[in-house]
N, C-alpha and C. Protein backbone atom coordinates (compact mmCIF):
# COMPACT_ATOMS: atom_id res chain seq x y z
N MET A 1 -35.01 -27.48 30.20
CA MET A 1 -34.97 -28.30 31.38
C MET A 1 -33.65 -28.10 32.11
N CYS A 2 -32.60 -28.00 31.35
CA CYS A 2 -31.28 -27.80 31.93
C CYS A 2 -31.24 -26.52 32.75
N TYR A 3 -31.83 -25.46 32.20
CA TYR A 3 -31.83 -24.18 32.92
C TYR A 3 -32.59 -24.29 34.25
N SER A 4 -33.71 -25.00 34.25
CA SER A 4 -34.46 -25.11 35.49
C SER A 4 -33.70 -25.91 36.55
N VAL A 5 -32.95 -26.93 36.13
CA VAL A 5 -32.13 -27.69 37.08
C VAL A 5 -31.03 -26.80 37.66
N TRP A 6 -30.36 -26.03 36.82
CA TRP A 6 -29.29 -25.16 37.31
C TRP A 6 -29.82 -24.03 38.18
N ILE A 7 -30.97 -23.48 37.83
CA ILE A 7 -31.56 -22.42 38.67
C ILE A 7 -31.96 -23.00 40.03
N GLY A 8 -32.53 -24.19 40.03
CA GLY A 8 -32.88 -24.85 41.29
C GLY A 8 -31.66 -25.12 42.14
N THR A 9 -30.57 -25.56 41.51
CA THR A 9 -29.32 -25.80 42.24
C THR A 9 -28.80 -24.50 42.83
N PHE A 10 -28.82 -23.44 42.05
CA PHE A 10 -28.33 -22.14 42.52
C PHE A 10 -29.16 -21.64 43.70
N CYS A 11 -30.48 -21.81 43.62
CA CYS A 11 -31.35 -21.34 44.70
C CYS A 11 -31.18 -22.14 45.99
N LEU A 12 -30.76 -23.39 45.87
CA LEU A 12 -30.58 -24.24 47.05
C LEU A 12 -29.19 -24.12 47.67
N LEU A 13 -28.24 -23.51 46.98
CA LEU A 13 -26.89 -23.40 47.52
C LEU A 13 -26.82 -22.68 48.87
N PRO A 14 -27.58 -21.61 49.12
CA PRO A 14 -27.51 -20.99 50.46
C PRO A 14 -27.88 -21.95 51.59
N PHE A 15 -28.76 -22.90 51.33
CA PHE A 15 -29.12 -23.86 52.36
C PHE A 15 -27.98 -24.81 52.65
N LEU A 16 -27.12 -25.05 51.68
CA LEU A 16 -25.94 -25.87 51.91
C LEU A 16 -25.01 -25.18 52.89
N LEU A 17 -24.90 -23.87 52.80
CA LEU A 17 -24.04 -23.13 53.72
C LEU A 17 -24.60 -23.16 55.14
N LEU A 18 -25.91 -23.24 55.29
CA LEU A 18 -26.53 -23.30 56.62
C LEU A 18 -26.45 -24.70 57.23
N GLU A 19 -26.21 -25.69 56.41
CA GLU A 19 -26.17 -27.07 56.86
C GLU A 19 -24.92 -27.32 57.69
N ASN A 20 -25.05 -28.20 58.64
CA ASN A 20 -23.91 -28.62 59.45
C ASN A 20 -23.00 -29.47 58.55
N THR A 21 -21.81 -28.97 58.26
CA THR A 21 -20.93 -29.67 57.32
C THR A 21 -20.31 -30.93 57.91
N GLU A 22 -20.47 -31.15 59.22
CA GLU A 22 -19.96 -32.38 59.82
C GLU A 22 -20.66 -33.60 59.22
N ASN A 23 -21.92 -33.42 58.86
CA ASN A 23 -22.66 -34.54 58.25
C ASN A 23 -22.03 -34.93 56.92
N LEU A 24 -21.60 -33.94 56.15
CA LEU A 24 -20.97 -34.24 54.86
C LEU A 24 -19.61 -34.89 55.05
N LYS A 25 -18.87 -34.45 56.05
CA LYS A 25 -17.54 -35.00 56.29
C LYS A 25 -17.58 -36.42 56.83
N THR A 26 -18.60 -36.72 57.63
CA THR A 26 -18.67 -38.04 58.25
C THR A 26 -19.49 -39.04 57.45
N ALA A 27 -20.09 -38.60 56.36
CA ALA A 27 -20.88 -39.52 55.54
C ALA A 27 -19.98 -40.56 54.89
N SER A 28 -20.49 -41.76 54.78
CA SER A 28 -19.72 -42.84 54.18
C SER A 28 -19.64 -42.67 52.67
N ILE A 29 -18.74 -43.43 52.07
CA ILE A 29 -18.61 -43.40 50.62
C ILE A 29 -19.90 -43.92 49.98
N TYR A 30 -20.56 -44.86 50.65
CA TYR A 30 -21.84 -45.37 50.16
C TYR A 30 -22.87 -44.25 50.04
N ASN A 31 -22.94 -43.37 51.04
CA ASN A 31 -23.89 -42.25 51.00
C ASN A 31 -23.56 -41.29 49.86
N HIS A 32 -22.29 -40.99 49.67
CA HIS A 32 -21.90 -40.09 48.58
C HIS A 32 -22.20 -40.71 47.22
N LEU A 33 -21.94 -42.01 47.08
CA LEU A 33 -22.23 -42.68 45.81
C LEU A 33 -23.74 -42.77 45.57
N SER A 34 -24.53 -42.88 46.63
CA SER A 34 -25.99 -42.92 46.47
C SER A 34 -26.50 -41.59 45.92
N VAL A 35 -25.97 -40.49 46.42
CA VAL A 35 -26.37 -39.18 45.91
C VAL A 35 -25.94 -39.01 44.46
N LEU A 36 -24.74 -39.45 44.14
CA LEU A 36 -24.26 -39.39 42.76
C LEU A 36 -25.14 -40.24 41.84
N TYR A 37 -25.51 -41.42 42.30
CA TYR A 37 -26.40 -42.30 41.53
C TYR A 37 -27.73 -41.61 41.25
N LEU A 38 -28.30 -40.96 42.28
CA LEU A 38 -29.60 -40.29 42.10
C LEU A 38 -29.49 -39.14 41.10
N GLY A 39 -28.34 -38.49 41.02
CA GLY A 39 -28.17 -37.42 40.05
C GLY A 39 -27.99 -37.93 38.64
N VAL A 40 -27.31 -39.06 38.50
CA VAL A 40 -26.99 -39.56 37.17
C VAL A 40 -28.16 -40.34 36.57
N PHE A 41 -28.65 -41.34 37.27
CA PHE A 41 -29.64 -42.22 36.66
C PHE A 41 -31.04 -41.63 36.60
N PRO A 42 -31.70 -41.37 37.72
CA PRO A 42 -33.06 -40.82 37.58
C PRO A 42 -33.05 -39.43 36.97
N GLY A 43 -32.05 -38.64 37.27
CA GLY A 43 -32.01 -37.26 36.77
C GLY A 43 -31.68 -37.18 35.30
N SER A 44 -30.44 -37.41 34.96
CA SER A 44 -30.01 -37.19 33.58
C SER A 44 -30.57 -38.22 32.60
N ILE A 45 -30.50 -39.48 32.94
CA ILE A 45 -31.01 -40.49 32.01
C ILE A 45 -32.53 -40.38 31.87
N GLY A 46 -33.21 -40.05 32.96
CA GLY A 46 -34.66 -39.86 32.89
C GLY A 46 -35.03 -38.73 31.94
N TYR A 47 -34.32 -37.60 32.05
CA TYR A 47 -34.62 -36.47 31.17
C TYR A 47 -34.25 -36.78 29.72
N LEU A 48 -33.16 -37.51 29.51
CA LEU A 48 -32.78 -37.86 28.15
C LEU A 48 -33.82 -38.78 27.50
N THR A 49 -34.29 -39.78 28.23
CA THR A 49 -35.30 -40.66 27.65
C THR A 49 -36.62 -39.93 27.45
N TRP A 50 -36.97 -39.02 28.36
CA TRP A 50 -38.20 -38.25 28.19
C TRP A 50 -38.12 -37.37 26.94
N THR A 51 -36.98 -36.77 26.72
CA THR A 51 -36.80 -35.95 25.52
C THR A 51 -36.90 -36.80 24.26
N TYR A 52 -36.33 -38.00 24.30
CA TYR A 52 -36.42 -38.90 23.15
C TYR A 52 -37.87 -39.29 22.87
N VAL A 53 -38.61 -39.62 23.92
CA VAL A 53 -40.02 -40.00 23.74
C VAL A 53 -40.81 -38.84 23.14
N LEU A 54 -40.56 -37.63 23.63
CA LEU A 54 -41.30 -36.47 23.10
C LEU A 54 -40.95 -36.19 21.64
N SER A 55 -39.77 -36.61 21.21
CA SER A 55 -39.42 -36.41 19.80
C SER A 55 -40.11 -37.43 18.90
N LYS A 56 -40.58 -38.54 19.47
CA LYS A 56 -41.21 -39.61 18.68
C LYS A 56 -42.74 -39.63 18.77
N MET A 57 -43.32 -39.04 19.85
CA MET A 57 -44.76 -39.08 20.04
C MET A 57 -45.28 -37.67 20.30
N ASN A 58 -46.58 -37.52 20.20
CA ASN A 58 -47.13 -36.23 20.58
C ASN A 58 -47.22 -36.15 22.10
N VAL A 59 -47.30 -34.94 22.63
CA VAL A 59 -47.22 -34.71 24.07
C VAL A 59 -48.39 -35.36 24.81
N GLN A 60 -49.59 -35.31 24.24
CA GLN A 60 -50.76 -35.87 24.91
C GLN A 60 -50.59 -37.37 25.16
N SER A 61 -50.09 -38.08 24.19
CA SER A 61 -49.91 -39.53 24.34
C SER A 61 -48.75 -39.85 25.28
N ALA A 62 -47.69 -39.10 25.19
CA ALA A 62 -46.51 -39.37 26.03
C ALA A 62 -46.78 -39.07 27.50
N THR A 63 -47.53 -38.02 27.78
CA THR A 63 -47.77 -37.62 29.16
C THR A 63 -48.57 -38.66 29.93
N VAL A 64 -49.42 -39.37 29.26
CA VAL A 64 -50.23 -40.40 29.92
C VAL A 64 -49.33 -41.46 30.54
N PHE A 65 -48.22 -41.75 29.91
CA PHE A 65 -47.34 -42.80 30.40
C PHE A 65 -46.59 -42.40 31.66
N LEU A 66 -46.63 -41.13 32.05
CA LEU A 66 -46.04 -40.73 33.32
C LEU A 66 -46.77 -41.37 34.50
N TYR A 67 -48.03 -41.71 34.30
CA TYR A 67 -48.80 -42.34 35.37
C TYR A 67 -48.38 -43.79 35.61
N ILE A 68 -47.58 -44.34 34.73
CA ILE A 68 -47.07 -45.70 34.91
C ILE A 68 -45.87 -45.72 35.86
N ILE A 69 -45.22 -44.59 36.07
CA ILE A 69 -44.01 -44.53 36.90
C ILE A 69 -44.25 -45.06 38.31
N PRO A 70 -45.33 -44.65 39.01
CA PRO A 70 -45.53 -45.21 40.35
C PRO A 70 -45.69 -46.73 40.36
N ILE A 71 -46.29 -47.27 39.33
CA ILE A 71 -46.46 -48.72 39.27
C ILE A 71 -45.12 -49.41 39.09
N ILE A 72 -44.27 -48.83 38.26
CA ILE A 72 -42.93 -49.38 38.07
C ILE A 72 -42.13 -49.31 39.36
N THR A 73 -42.27 -48.20 40.11
CA THR A 73 -41.54 -48.10 41.37
C THR A 73 -42.05 -49.10 42.40
N ILE A 74 -43.34 -49.41 42.39
CA ILE A 74 -43.87 -50.44 43.29
C ILE A 74 -43.25 -51.80 42.95
N ILE A 75 -43.17 -52.10 41.66
CA ILE A 75 -42.58 -53.38 41.23
C ILE A 75 -41.10 -53.44 41.59
N ILE A 76 -40.37 -52.36 41.34
CA ILE A 76 -38.94 -52.32 41.68
C ILE A 76 -38.75 -52.47 43.19
N GLY A 77 -39.59 -51.77 43.98
CA GLY A 77 -39.50 -51.89 45.44
C GLY A 77 -39.76 -53.30 45.91
N ALA A 78 -40.72 -53.97 45.29
CA ALA A 78 -41.03 -55.35 45.68
C ALA A 78 -39.89 -56.30 45.33
N ILE A 79 -39.24 -56.07 44.20
CA ILE A 79 -38.17 -56.97 43.76
C ILE A 79 -36.86 -56.67 44.49
N TRP A 80 -36.42 -55.41 44.52
CA TRP A 80 -35.10 -55.08 45.03
C TRP A 80 -35.02 -55.01 46.55
N ILE A 81 -36.01 -54.39 47.18
CA ILE A 81 -35.90 -54.23 48.64
C ILE A 81 -36.96 -55.03 49.38
N LYS A 82 -37.61 -55.93 48.69
CA LYS A 82 -38.60 -56.83 49.29
C LYS A 82 -39.70 -56.07 50.04
N GLU A 83 -40.11 -54.94 49.48
CA GLU A 83 -41.16 -54.13 50.07
C GLU A 83 -42.51 -54.63 49.56
N ILE A 84 -43.30 -55.15 50.46
CA ILE A 84 -44.60 -55.70 50.08
C ILE A 84 -45.62 -54.55 50.01
N PRO A 85 -46.24 -54.34 48.84
CA PRO A 85 -47.22 -53.25 48.74
C PRO A 85 -48.48 -53.56 49.54
N ILE A 86 -49.05 -52.51 50.14
CA ILE A 86 -50.28 -52.69 50.90
C ILE A 86 -51.48 -52.66 49.95
N THR A 87 -52.63 -53.00 50.46
CA THR A 87 -53.84 -53.12 49.63
C THR A 87 -54.18 -51.83 48.90
N SER A 88 -54.10 -50.70 49.61
CA SER A 88 -54.45 -49.42 48.95
C SER A 88 -53.47 -49.09 47.82
N THR A 89 -52.23 -49.51 47.95
CA THR A 89 -51.25 -49.30 46.88
C THR A 89 -51.62 -50.12 45.65
N ILE A 90 -52.00 -51.34 45.86
CA ILE A 90 -52.39 -52.21 44.73
C ILE A 90 -53.65 -51.68 44.06
N ILE A 91 -54.64 -51.27 44.86
CA ILE A 91 -55.87 -50.72 44.29
C ILE A 91 -55.58 -49.45 43.50
N GLY A 92 -54.72 -48.57 44.04
CA GLY A 92 -54.34 -47.36 43.31
C GLY A 92 -53.64 -47.67 42.01
N GLY A 93 -52.79 -48.69 42.02
CA GLY A 93 -52.11 -49.10 40.79
C GLY A 93 -53.07 -49.62 39.74
N ILE A 94 -54.04 -50.39 40.18
CA ILE A 94 -55.04 -50.91 39.24
C ILE A 94 -55.86 -49.77 38.64
N ILE A 95 -56.24 -48.81 39.47
CA ILE A 95 -56.99 -47.65 38.97
C ILE A 95 -56.15 -46.87 37.97
N THR A 96 -54.87 -46.71 38.27
CA THR A 96 -53.98 -45.97 37.36
C THR A 96 -53.85 -46.67 36.02
N ILE A 97 -53.62 -47.97 36.05
CA ILE A 97 -53.49 -48.72 34.80
C ILE A 97 -54.79 -48.65 34.00
N CYS A 98 -55.93 -48.76 34.67
CA CYS A 98 -57.22 -48.66 33.96
C CYS A 98 -57.39 -47.29 33.31
N GLY A 99 -56.98 -46.24 34.02
CA GLY A 99 -57.06 -44.90 33.45
C GLY A 99 -56.20 -44.74 32.21
N VAL A 100 -54.99 -45.27 32.27
CA VAL A 100 -54.10 -45.19 31.10
C VAL A 100 -54.68 -45.99 29.94
N LEU A 101 -55.21 -47.18 30.23
CA LEU A 101 -55.80 -48.00 29.17
C LEU A 101 -57.02 -47.32 28.55
N ILE A 102 -57.88 -46.74 29.38
CA ILE A 102 -59.08 -46.06 28.86
C ILE A 102 -58.67 -44.89 27.98
N PHE A 103 -57.68 -44.13 28.41
CA PHE A 103 -57.24 -42.98 27.62
C PHE A 103 -56.69 -43.44 26.27
N ASN A 104 -55.89 -44.49 26.27
CA ASN A 104 -55.27 -44.94 25.02
C ASN A 104 -56.26 -45.68 24.11
N LEU A 105 -57.30 -46.29 24.65
CA LEU A 105 -58.29 -46.99 23.83
C LEU A 105 -59.28 -46.02 23.20
N LYS A 106 -59.41 -44.81 23.75
CA LYS A 106 -60.34 -43.83 23.19
C LYS A 106 -59.89 -43.31 21.84
N LYS A 107 -58.66 -43.45 21.50
CA LYS A 107 -58.13 -42.88 20.26
C LYS A 107 -58.55 -43.66 19.06
């Protein structure tokens, strides 16, 4: 996983050179810290916890739980940024949870 992240970073570096660097210079400290946060928490901690889960469960069982991530993000969005989910989002979440439950009950 580490190699794929570094290869992706290397492949994207030429686009950084094409970017208008004034945006980077004028960005606030909040913007820079937001990018750093996205690299540390969802990136590294997410991969570390995923690796831990794979060491404790088989891949088939662990992969099913990836479908819970959108539901967790809906809940976080509703709590932190007061984003009210629309009807189709709620229906999709219910379908996702039912699919995960059906898969895990079949065992």
